[in-house]
Amino acid sequence: MNRFALAVSTGIARVTEAALGPYQTAMIRIGFSATWLLFLLREFPHRQELYGPDSPWSWNLAEQLTSLNGAFTALMWSNGQFWFETVYVLAVVSSVLLLLGWRTRAMSVLFMVGVLSLQNRSIFMGDGGDNVLHLMCIYLVFTRCGQVWSLDERRARRTREAHARGEHVVDRVGPALWGVLGLVLVSAAFLDRLSGDWAVPALLWALWLAQALWWAVGRFTRSGQSRIMLDVVANIVHNGALLVIMAEACLIYATAGWYKIQGSRWQDGTAVYYPLHLESFSPWPALADLLSANGVMVMLVTYGTVAVQVAFPFTLFNRRVKNVLLAAMITEHAVIAVVLGLPFFSLAMIAADSVFLPTSFLRRLGDGAARVRGRLWARSAPVGGGSGPGLLGQRVPKGRPTPEGQPTPGSVGRPGPPAEPASAKTPQPADCPGDNPGDPGDPENPGHRPVGFPA
């Protein structure tokens, strides 16, 4: 009984004391925001035909449909050209800012509004990837997805450093941003633009009120107990949303695999052959012919696809098997993107798969990206600028070699320290969003735990 009580208390502490999977949720944030951003940019010349006034699915048809199903879309608030352009541009901007991790809580809300507004306006646009994006954009607002690899993480680190120096830091941008969003929400409710299904408007109100409570507690209460309680609640919500995302990904693969088993073409091993010869899914006919020329290869790919999709949910508790199948599925989606011409579907599925990536792999990936950026910054720094500002405000100190190994004007005539090798003279800036805040040596932020499955 004592062991059971200890296990329960350990599980409760694990769920409440920290937001699990910071690197996985960062990958989800980056993956889905990049997918939606690339789609919006690619279709920018055709936006009028897809979602605007020139769409074959006219505004009147969309109004009739939304009045029946109650789907939320801000594009139905007005039929004007200016309003459509505003919503489309806001969808692009929110995707960029969410990708960078700037005010991730507010940007995730705007990202969700942009996705739902455009997709519910014209429901026949898109492929299977838009369904995944539709669901994940809702789950994303409940996660604390800006813990790593974000501008929010860099700002939080700078705030901690300022507090350690005894400085008082006041955030005015955040409250102003949420104040504007609250004003828009009140105006929409006053003008009766939130009629229809209650789920999305209720979610918007709940998120705004929760953020207002968070700000009020931090602003007016002297005791830290209230803030700790809110932080515990936020961790529970984050971990619950992360669990839902993982379950959703498993459900997608399980249902897809079991439905394939029931198909006669999948049973006889020829199902992969037919999509390769459909004109709508053959951007590279020569490549499709090459892949489908070998009957044994077609059969192996057909059976392998079904086996991987059916088996994946059952392998999550075995680290090695899970990682092997995960690599196989990511490779499969990459092949689908190229061979069948479905890049955004593949990107959406790869973003969903990233929730299962090992934490160690993601940390190495982040460290590698930080090193590459450090080398680029070092090469871009001015050579003869003395102590002038370098890239993004970095300064080259006097009397020390520049990144190219040349002395600065202040060091002429004096022997300087020997030139350092390239690997040693590319420091990692402390305020770099790609730094590893989960390093066990960082007392401010002890090592992050991986998602609940072994990685």
Protein backbone atom coordinates (compact mmCIF):
# COMPACT_ATOMS: atom_id res chain seq x y z
CA MET A 1 0.00 0.00 0.00
CA ASN A 2 2.89 2.33 0.78
CA ARG A 3 4.35 1.67 -2.67
CA PHE A 4 1.02 2.46 -4.28
CA ALA A 5 0.68 5.71 -2.33
CA LEU A 6 4.26 6.65 -3.22
CA ALA A 7 3.61 5.96 -6.92
CA VAL A 8 0.44 8.06 -6.86
CA SER A 9 2.13 10.97 -5.11
CA THR A 10 5.08 10.79 -7.50
CA GLY A 11 2.72 10.84 -10.49
CA ILE A 12 0.80 13.81 -9.11
CA ALA A 13 4.02 15.71 -8.45
CA ARG A 14 5.28 14.95 -11.95
CA VAL A 15 2.11 16.28 -13.58
CA THR A 16 1.81 19.40 -11.43
CA GLU A 17 5.36 20.60 -10.85
CA ALA A 18 6.39 21.12 -14.48
CA ALA A 19 5.07 21.35 -18.03
CA LEU A 20 6.32 18.11 -19.58
CA GLY A 21 7.78 17.76 -23.06
CA PRO A 22 9.02 21.34 -23.63
CA TYR A 23 11.02 20.36 -26.72
CA GLN A 24 8.19 18.27 -28.16
CA THR A 25 5.64 21.06 -27.75
CA ALA A 26 8.10 23.50 -29.29
CA MET A 27 8.40 21.19 -32.29
CA ILE A 28 4.61 21.03 -32.56
CA ARG A 29 4.42 24.83 -32.41
CA ILE A 30 7.11 25.30 -35.04
CA GLY A 31 5.85 22.49 -37.27
CA PHE A 32 2.21 23.49 -37.51
CA SER A 33 2.84 27.23 -37.70
CA ALA A 34 5.39 26.66 -40.48
CA THR A 35 2.98 24.37 -42.35
CA TRP A 36 0.15 26.90 -42.23
CA LEU A 37 2.47 29.80 -43.06
CA LEU A 38 3.91 28.07 -46.13
CA PHE A 39 0.42 27.18 -47.31
CA LEU A 40 -0.82 30.76 -46.94
CA LEU A 41 2.22 32.15 -48.74
CA ARG A 42 1.98 29.66 -51.59
CA GLU A 43 -1.72 30.37 -52.09
CA PHE A 44 -1.40 34.13 -51.62
CA PRO A 45 -1.89 34.86 -55.37
CA HIS A 46 -4.98 32.61 -55.34
CA ARG A 47 -6.44 33.64 -52.00
CA GLN A 48 -9.44 35.33 -53.60
CA GLU A 49 -10.49 32.16 -55.39
CA LEU A 50 -9.89 29.96 -52.34
CA TYR A 51 -11.39 31.93 -49.48
CA GLY A 52 -12.28 35.39 -50.75
CA PRO A 53 -15.16 37.03 -52.59
CA ASP A 54 -14.19 35.34 -55.88
CA SER A 55 -14.44 31.83 -54.44
CA PRO A 56 -16.78 29.37 -56.22
CA TRP A 57 -18.04 28.59 -52.72
CA SER A 58 -19.68 32.00 -52.49
CA TRP A 59 -20.27 34.05 -49.37
CA ASN A 60 -24.00 33.23 -49.47
CA LEU A 61 -23.32 29.49 -49.62
CA ALA A 62 -20.84 29.77 -46.76
CA GLU A 63 -23.36 31.76 -44.72
CA GLN A 64 -26.02 29.10 -45.23
CA LEU A 65 -23.63 26.33 -44.22
CA THR A 66 -22.33 28.08 -41.09
CA SER A 67 -25.88 28.89 -40.03
CA LEU A 68 -26.60 25.14 -40.10
CA ASN A 69 -23.45 23.71 -38.54
CA GLY A 70 -22.52 26.71 -36.35
CA ALA A 71 -18.85 26.61 -37.42
CA PHE A 72 -16.76 29.56 -36.26
CA THR A 73 -15.24 31.80 -38.93
CA ALA A 74 -14.37 35.47 -38.61
CA LEU A 75 -14.59 35.85 -42.39
CA MET A 76 -18.38 35.67 -42.11
CA TRP A 77 -18.46 38.81 -39.99
CA SER A 78 -18.30 40.93 -43.14
CA ASN A 79 -18.43 40.43 -46.90
CA GLY A 80 -16.05 43.29 -47.63
CA GLN A 81 -12.76 42.98 -49.46
CA PHE A 82 -10.88 44.92 -46.79
CA TRP A 83 -12.05 42.58 -44.03
CA PHE A 84 -10.98 39.51 -45.99
CA GLU A 85 -7.52 40.94 -46.63
CA THR A 86 -7.21 41.88 -42.96
CA VAL A 87 -8.05 38.38 -41.73
CA TYR A 88 -5.70 36.78 -44.25
CA VAL A 89 -2.79 39.05 -43.35
CA LEU A 90 -3.42 38.52 -39.63
CA ALA A 91 -3.33 34.77 -40.23
CA VAL A 92 0.07 35.14 -41.91
CA VAL A 93 1.44 37.44 -39.19
CA SER A 94 0.23 35.24 -36.33
CA SER A 95 1.86 32.21 -37.99
CA VAL A 96 5.19 34.02 -38.26
CA LEU A 97 5.10 35.24 -34.65
CA LEU A 98 4.05 31.84 -33.33
CA LEU A 99 6.88 30.26 -35.31
CA LEU A 100 9.33 32.65 -33.64
CA GLY A 101 7.73 32.12 -30.24
CA TRP A 102 6.77 35.75 -29.57
CA ARG A 103 3.92 35.98 -27.03
CA THR A 104 3.06 32.37 -27.74
CA ARG A 105 -0.10 32.31 -25.65
CA ALA A 106 -1.71 35.22 -27.52
CA MET A 107 -0.31 34.15 -30.89
CA SER A 108 -1.62 30.60 -30.45
CA VAL A 109 -5.10 32.05 -29.96
CA LEU A 110 -4.79 34.23 -33.08
CA PHE A 111 -3.33 31.26 -34.96
CA MET A 112 -6.37 29.16 -34.04
CA VAL A 113 -8.74 31.95 -35.11
CA GLY A 114 -6.95 32.28 -38.46
CA VAL A 115 -7.01 28.54 -39.17
CA LEU A 116 -10.67 28.11 -38.23
CA SER A 117 -11.75 31.26 -40.07
CA LEU A 118 -10.21 30.29 -43.40
CA GLN A 119 -10.92 26.58 -43.29
CA ASN A 120 -14.55 26.96 -42.18
CA ARG A 121 -15.13 29.61 -44.84
CA SER A 122 -14.38 27.17 -47.67
CA ILE A 123 -14.60 23.63 -46.39
CA PHE A 124 -13.75 21.97 -49.71
CA MET A 125 -10.24 23.45 -49.90
CA GLY A 126 -7.31 21.40 -48.68
CA ASP A 127 -6.45 17.76 -48.14
CA GLY A 128 -6.16 15.44 -45.16
CA GLY A 129 -3.54 17.68 -43.61
CA ASP A 130 -6.06 20.46 -43.03
CA ASN A 131 -8.07 18.17 -40.74
CA VAL A 132 -4.99 17.52 -38.60
CA LEU A 133 -4.15 21.23 -38.52
CA HIS A 134 -7.77 22.05 -37.65
CA LEU A 135 -7.62 19.89 -34.53
CA MET A 136 -4.08 20.66 -33.46
CA CYS A 137 -4.53 24.44 -33.59
CA ILE A 138 -7.19 24.06 -30.88
CA TYR A 139 -5.04 21.80 -28.71
CA LEU A 140 -2.07 24.12 -29.10
CA VAL A 141 -3.71 27.00 -27.18
CA PHE A 142 -3.71 24.87 -24.02
CA THR A 143 0.03 24.13 -24.12
CA ARG A 144 2.96 26.11 -22.78
CA CYS A 145 4.73 25.81 -26.11
CA GLY A 146 7.19 28.68 -25.67
CA GLN A 147 9.42 27.18 -22.98
CA VAL A 148 12.32 26.57 -25.38
CA TRP A 149 13.36 27.74 -28.85
CA SER A 150 11.31 30.93 -28.57
CA LEU A 151 11.61 34.65 -28.04
CA ASP A 152 9.47 34.20 -24.93
CA GLU A 153 12.14 31.96 -23.41
CA ARG A 154 14.81 34.56 -24.15
CA ARG A 155 12.71 37.34 -22.62
CA ALA A 156 12.06 35.24 -19.50
CA ARG A 157 15.79 34.58 -19.11
CA ARG A 158 16.58 38.28 -19.41
CA THR A 159 13.89 39.08 -16.84
CA ARG A 160 15.40 36.61 -14.38
CA GLU A 161 18.83 38.12 -14.92
CA ALA A 162 17.44 41.61 -14.36
CA HIS A 163 15.74 40.52 -11.14
CA ALA A 164 19.00 38.95 -9.98
CA ARG A 165 20.67 42.35 -10.46
CA GLY A 166 17.93 44.00 -8.41
CA GLU A 167 16.26 45.68 -11.40
CA HIS A 168 12.50 46.03 -11.68
CA VAL A 169 11.09 44.89 -15.02
CA VAL A 170 7.56 45.85 -16.09
CA ASP A 171 5.93 44.11 -19.05
CA ARG A 172 3.68 46.55 -20.88
CA VAL A 173 3.42 44.78 -24.23
CA GLY A 174 1.65 41.70 -22.91
CA PRO A 175 -1.18 43.47 -21.05
CA ALA A 176 -1.64 45.88 -23.97
CA LEU A 177 -1.87 43.01 -26.45
CA TRP A 178 -4.44 41.13 -24.37
CA GLY A 179 -6.32 44.37 -23.80
CA VAL A 180 -6.69 44.86 -27.54
CA LEU A 181 -7.80 41.25 -27.96
CA GLY A 182 -10.36 41.70 -25.18
CA LEU A 183 -11.70 44.84 -26.86
CA VAL A 184 -12.13 42.95 -30.14
CA LEU A 185 -13.87 40.09 -28.33
CA VAL A 186 -16.27 42.45 -26.54
CA SER A 187 -17.02 44.27 -29.80
CA ALA A 188 -17.72 41.01 -31.62
CA ALA A 189 -20.07 39.89 -28.84
CA PHE A 190 -21.84 43.28 -28.80
CA LEU A 191 -22.35 43.15 -32.58
CA ASP A 192 -23.66 39.56 -32.32
CA ARG A 193 -20.81 38.11 -34.40
CA LEU A 194 -20.24 35.19 -32.05
CA SER A 195 -23.57 33.51 -32.65
CA GLY A 196 -23.62 29.86 -33.67
CA ASP A 197 -21.85 27.06 -31.91
CA TRP A 198 -20.86 28.10 -28.40
CA ALA A 199 -17.61 26.08 -28.14
CA VAL A 200 -15.11 28.43 -29.82
CA PRO A 201 -16.55 31.69 -28.36
CA ALA A 202 -16.59 30.10 -24.90
CA LEU A 203 -12.99 29.00 -25.37
CA LEU A 204 -11.96 32.54 -26.38
CA TRP A 205 -13.67 34.05 -23.34
CA ALA A 206 -12.14 31.45 -21.01
CA LEU A 207 -8.63 32.08 -22.36
CA TRP A 208 -8.99 35.85 -22.05
CA LEU A 209 -10.36 35.66 -18.50
CA ALA A 210 -7.63 33.21 -17.47
CA GLN A 211 -4.97 35.54 -18.83
CA ALA A 212 -6.57 38.51 -17.04
CA LEU A 213 -6.58 36.55 -13.77
CA TRP A 214 -2.94 35.60 -14.29
CA TRP A 215 -1.99 39.25 -14.81
CA ALA A 216 -4.05 40.47 -11.84
CA VAL A 217 -2.51 37.92 -9.47
CA GLY A 218 0.99 38.84 -10.55
CA ARG A 219 0.27 42.54 -10.38
CA PHE A 220 -1.67 43.01 -7.17
CA THR A 221 -0.94 40.07 -4.84
CA ARG A 222 2.13 40.14 -2.63
CA SER A 223 2.08 36.47 -1.68
CA GLY A 224 3.49 33.99 -4.16
CA GLN A 225 1.05 31.22 -3.21
CA SER A 226 -1.64 32.39 -5.61
CA ARG A 227 0.82 32.52 -8.50
CA ILE A 228 2.10 29.05 -7.61
CA MET A 229 -1.45 27.71 -7.67
CA LEU A 230 -2.09 29.22 -11.10
CA ASP A 231 1.20 27.79 -12.33
CA VAL A 232 0.16 24.33 -11.13
CA VAL A 233 -3.16 24.64 -12.95
CA ALA A 234 -1.36 25.75 -16.12
CA ASN A 235 0.97 22.74 -15.88
CA ILE A 236 -1.97 20.36 -15.49
CA VAL A 237 -3.73 21.88 -18.50
CA HIS A 238 -0.54 21.73 -20.57
CA ASN A 239 0.15 18.10 -19.70
CA GLY A 240 -3.45 17.14 -20.38
CA ALA A 241 -3.35 18.84 -23.78
CA LEU A 242 -0.07 17.10 -24.58
CA LEU A 243 -1.65 13.75 -23.73
CA VAL A 244 -4.59 14.56 -26.01
CA ILE A 245 -2.21 15.43 -28.87
CA MET A 246 -0.41 12.12 -28.44
CA ALA A 247 -3.69 10.21 -28.30
CA GLU A 248 -4.93 12.04 -31.40
CA ALA A 249 -1.82 11.08 -33.37
CA CYS A 250 -2.18 7.44 -32.28
CA LEU A 251 -5.87 7.49 -33.22
CA ILE A 252 -5.09 8.84 -36.68
CA TYR A 253 -2.65 6.03 -37.42
CA ALA A 254 -4.73 3.31 -35.80
CA THR A 255 -7.92 4.17 -37.71
CA ALA A 256 -6.02 4.63 -40.97
CA GLY A 257 -4.32 1.27 -40.58
CA TRP A 258 -7.43 -0.70 -39.63
CA TYR A 259 -9.48 0.84 -42.44
CA LYS A 260 -6.74 -0.09 -44.90
CA ILE A 261 -6.86 -3.71 -43.74
CA GLN A 262 -10.50 -3.90 -44.83
CA GLY A 263 -9.72 -2.78 -48.38
CA SER A 264 -9.25 -5.42 -51.05
CA ARG A 265 -6.43 -3.47 -52.77
CA TRP A 266 -4.50 -3.30 -49.52
CA GLN A 267 -5.08 -6.98 -48.93
CA ASP A 268 -3.68 -8.04 -52.31
CA GLY A 269 -0.73 -5.62 -52.03
CA THR A 270 -1.53 -3.35 -55.00
CA ALA A 271 -3.02 -0.27 -53.29
CA VAL A 272 0.12 1.86 -53.59
CA TYR A 273 0.26 1.32 -57.35
CA TYR A 274 -2.93 3.24 -58.21
CA PRO A 275 -2.26 6.66 -56.61
CA LEU A 276 1.08 6.76 -58.44
CA HIS A 277 -0.79 6.80 -61.77
CA LEU A 278 -3.48 9.36 -60.93
CA GLU A 279 -2.91 12.58 -62.82
CA SER A 280 -3.87 14.71 -59.80
CA PHE A 281 -1.20 13.04 -57.67
CA SER A 282 1.64 12.66 -60.16
CA PRO A 283 3.81 15.78 -60.20
CA TRP A 284 6.74 13.60 -61.34
CA PRO A 285 5.32 10.95 -63.72
CA ALA A 286 8.74 9.51 -64.51
CA LEU A 287 9.50 9.02 -60.81
CA ALA A 288 6.08 7.45 -60.23
CA ASP A 289 6.66 5.03 -63.12
CA LEU A 290 10.06 4.11 -61.74
CA LEU A 291 8.67 3.37 -58.26
CA SER A 292 5.74 1.35 -59.56
CA ALA A 293 7.72 -0.68 -62.11
CA ASN A 294 8.78 -3.28 -59.54
CA GLY A 295 5.82 -5.33 -58.35
CA VAL A 296 7.64 -6.75 -55.35
CA MET A 297 8.53 -3.24 -54.18
CA VAL A 298 4.92 -2.10 -54.52
CA MET A 299 3.73 -5.07 -52.47
CA LEU A 300 6.32 -4.50 -49.74
CA VAL A 301 5.48 -0.81 -49.46
CA THR A 302 1.74 -1.58 -49.35
CA TYR A 303 2.02 -4.17 -46.60
CA GLY A 304 4.67 -2.18 -44.77
CA THR A 305 2.46 0.90 -44.63
CA VAL A 306 -0.40 -1.02 -43.06
CA ALA A 307 1.88 -2.83 -40.60
CA VAL A 308 3.56 0.37 -39.41
CA GLN A 309 0.30 2.28 -38.94
CA VAL A 310 -1.43 -0.54 -37.06
CA ALA A 311 1.57 -1.38 -34.87
CA PHE A 312 2.74 2.13 -33.97
CA PRO A 313 0.33 2.81 -31.04
CA PHE A 314 1.37 -0.49 -29.44
CA THR A 315 5.09 0.30 -29.57
CA LEU A 316 5.10 3.57 -27.64
CA PHE A 317 6.35 1.95 -24.45
CA ASN A 318 9.34 0.38 -26.19
CA ARG A 319 11.85 3.10 -26.92
CA ARG A 320 13.85 1.39 -29.64
CA VAL A 321 10.94 -0.04 -31.60
CA LYS A 322 9.03 3.24 -31.30
CA ASN A 323 11.96 5.25 -32.66
CA VAL A 324 12.42 2.86 -35.59
CA LEU A 325 8.74 3.04 -36.59
CA LEU A 326 8.72 6.79 -36.07
CA ALA A 327 11.64 7.19 -38.47
CA ALA A 328 9.85 4.96 -40.97
CA MET A 329 6.65 7.04 -40.80
CA ILE A 330 8.48 10.34 -41.15
CA THR A 331 10.32 8.93 -44.18
CA GLU A 332 7.02 7.74 -45.61
CA HIS A 333 5.49 11.20 -45.29
CA ALA A 334 8.55 12.78 -46.89
CA VAL A 335 8.18 10.40 -49.85
CA ILE A 336 4.46 11.23 -50.11
CA ALA A 337 5.31 14.93 -50.19
CA VAL A 338 7.61 14.48 -53.17
CA VAL A 339 6.06 11.61 -55.14
CA LEU A 340 2.35 12.40 -54.68
CA GLY A 341 2.71 16.18 -54.49
CA LEU A 342 1.15 16.57 -51.01
CA PRO A 343 3.73 18.67 -49.15
CA PHE A 344 1.38 20.30 -46.64
CA PHE A 345 -0.31 17.05 -45.69
CA SER A 346 3.11 15.52 -45.09
CA LEU A 347 4.36 18.51 -43.11
CA ALA A 348 1.26 18.42 -40.89
CA MET A 349 1.70 14.71 -40.20
CA ILE A 350 5.43 15.09 -39.51
CA ALA A 351 4.61 17.91 -37.08
CA ALA A 352 2.14 15.62 -35.32
CA ASP A 353 4.72 12.81 -35.23
CA SER A 354 7.28 15.11 -33.60
CA VAL A 355 5.48 14.80 -30.25
CA PHE A 356 7.05 11.33 -29.99
CA LEU A 357 10.62 12.35 -30.90
CA PRO A 358 13.23 11.57 -28.22
CA THR A 359 14.17 14.48 -26.01
CA SER A 360 17.89 13.73 -26.37
CA PHE A 361 17.60 13.95 -30.15
CA LEU A 362 15.73 17.26 -29.99
CA ARG A 363 18.27 18.75 -27.60
CA ARG A 364 21.12 17.76 -29.90
CA LEU A 365 19.16 19.24 -32.80
CA GLY A 366 18.75 22.52 -30.93
CA ASP A 367 22.41 22.61 -29.92
CA GLY A 368 23.45 21.98 -33.51
CA ALA A 369 21.21 24.78 -34.78
CA ALA A 370 22.65 27.12 -32.14
CA ARG A 371 26.22 26.29 -33.19
CA VAL A 372 25.42 26.92 -36.84
CA ARG A 373 23.81 30.25 -35.98
CA GLY A 374 26.78 31.17 -33.81
CA ARG A 375 29.14 30.57 -36.73
CA LEU A 376 26.95 32.65 -39.02
CA TRP A 377 26.86 35.50 -36.51
CA ALA A 378 30.63 35.35 -36.06
CA ARG A 379 31.22 35.55 -39.82
CA SER A 380 28.75 38.42 -40.15
CA ALA A 381 30.34 40.53 -37.39
CA PRO A 382 32.20 43.67 -38.60
CA VAL A 383 35.97 43.24 -39.05
CA GLY A 384 37.37 46.71 -38.39
CA GLY A 385 34.63 48.24 -36.31
CA GLY A 386 36.50 48.35 -32.98
CA SER A 387 33.88 48.05 -30.29
CA GLY A 388 30.99 48.83 -32.58
CA PRO A 389 27.81 46.75 -32.48
CA GLY A 390 27.85 43.45 -34.30
CA LEU A 391 24.94 41.42 -35.57
CA LEU A 392 21.81 41.87 -33.43
CA GLY A 393 23.59 44.20 -31.02
CA GLN A 394 26.65 42.04 -30.35
CA ARG A 395 29.80 44.09 -29.76
CA VAL A 396 33.34 43.23 -30.78
CA PRO A 397 35.59 44.11 -27.79
CA LYS A 398 38.70 46.15 -28.30
CA GLY A 399 42.08 44.51 -28.19
CA ARG A 400 40.79 41.06 -29.16
CA PRO A 401 40.87 39.36 -32.53
CA THR A 402 37.81 39.69 -34.69
CA PRO A 403 36.04 36.53 -35.91
CA GLU A 404 38.29 36.59 -38.97
CA GLY A 405 41.42 36.68 -36.80
CA GLN A 406 42.37 40.31 -37.63
CA PRO A 407 43.20 42.72 -34.77
CA THR A 408 40.82 45.58 -34.11
CA PRO A 409 42.05 49.20 -34.42
CA GLY A 410 42.41 49.42 -30.62
CA SER A 411 44.90 46.53 -30.57
CA VAL A 412 47.34 47.71 -33.26
CA GLY A 413 50.91 47.79 -32.00
CA ARG A 414 50.19 45.50 -29.03
CA PRO A 415 50.49 41.74 -29.06
CA GLY A 416 47.12 40.15 -28.57
CA PRO A 417 46.09 36.71 -27.48
CA PRO A 418 46.66 33.90 -29.97
CA ALA A 419 43.93 33.25 -32.48
CA GLU A 420 41.43 30.67 -31.32
CA PRO A 421 40.22 27.80 -33.48
CA ALA A 422 36.90 28.20 -35.24
CA SER A 423 35.13 25.90 -32.78
CA ALA A 424 36.33 27.96 -29.82
CA LYS A 425 35.73 31.46 -31.17
CA THR A 426 32.04 31.08 -31.92
CA PRO A 427 30.49 31.69 -28.51
CA GLN A 428 26.87 30.82 -27.87
CA PRO A 429 25.08 34.04 -26.87
CA ALA A 430 23.29 33.66 -23.58
CA ASP A 431 20.17 35.28 -24.99
CA CYS A 432 20.00 33.06 -28.05
CA PRO A 433 16.57 31.39 -28.42
CA GLY A 434 18.22 28.15 -29.53
CA ASP A 435 20.30 27.75 -26.38
CA ASN A 436 19.57 24.76 -24.21
CA PRO A 437 17.75 26.04 -21.10
CA GLY A 438 17.26 22.49 -19.91
CA ASP A 439 20.97 22.04 -19.17
CA PRO A 440 21.34 20.44 -15.72
CA GLY A 441 24.00 23.06 -14.95
CA ASP A 442 21.49 25.89 -15.18
CA PRO A 443 20.19 26.52 -11.63
CA GLU A 444 17.34 28.68 -12.92
CA ASN A 445 15.87 25.96 -15.08
CA PRO A 446 16.75 22.36 -14.16
CA GLY A 447 16.72 19.69 -16.83
CA HIS A 448 13.39 19.22 -18.61
CA ARG A 449 11.79 15.83 -18.47
CA PRO A 450 10.80 14.04 -21.67
CA VAL A 451 7.22 13.30 -22.60
CA GLY A 452 5.71 10.52 -20.52
CA PHE A 453 6.96 7.80 -22.86
CA PRO A 454 10.58 6.63 -22.75
CA ALA A 455 12.68 8.43 -25.32
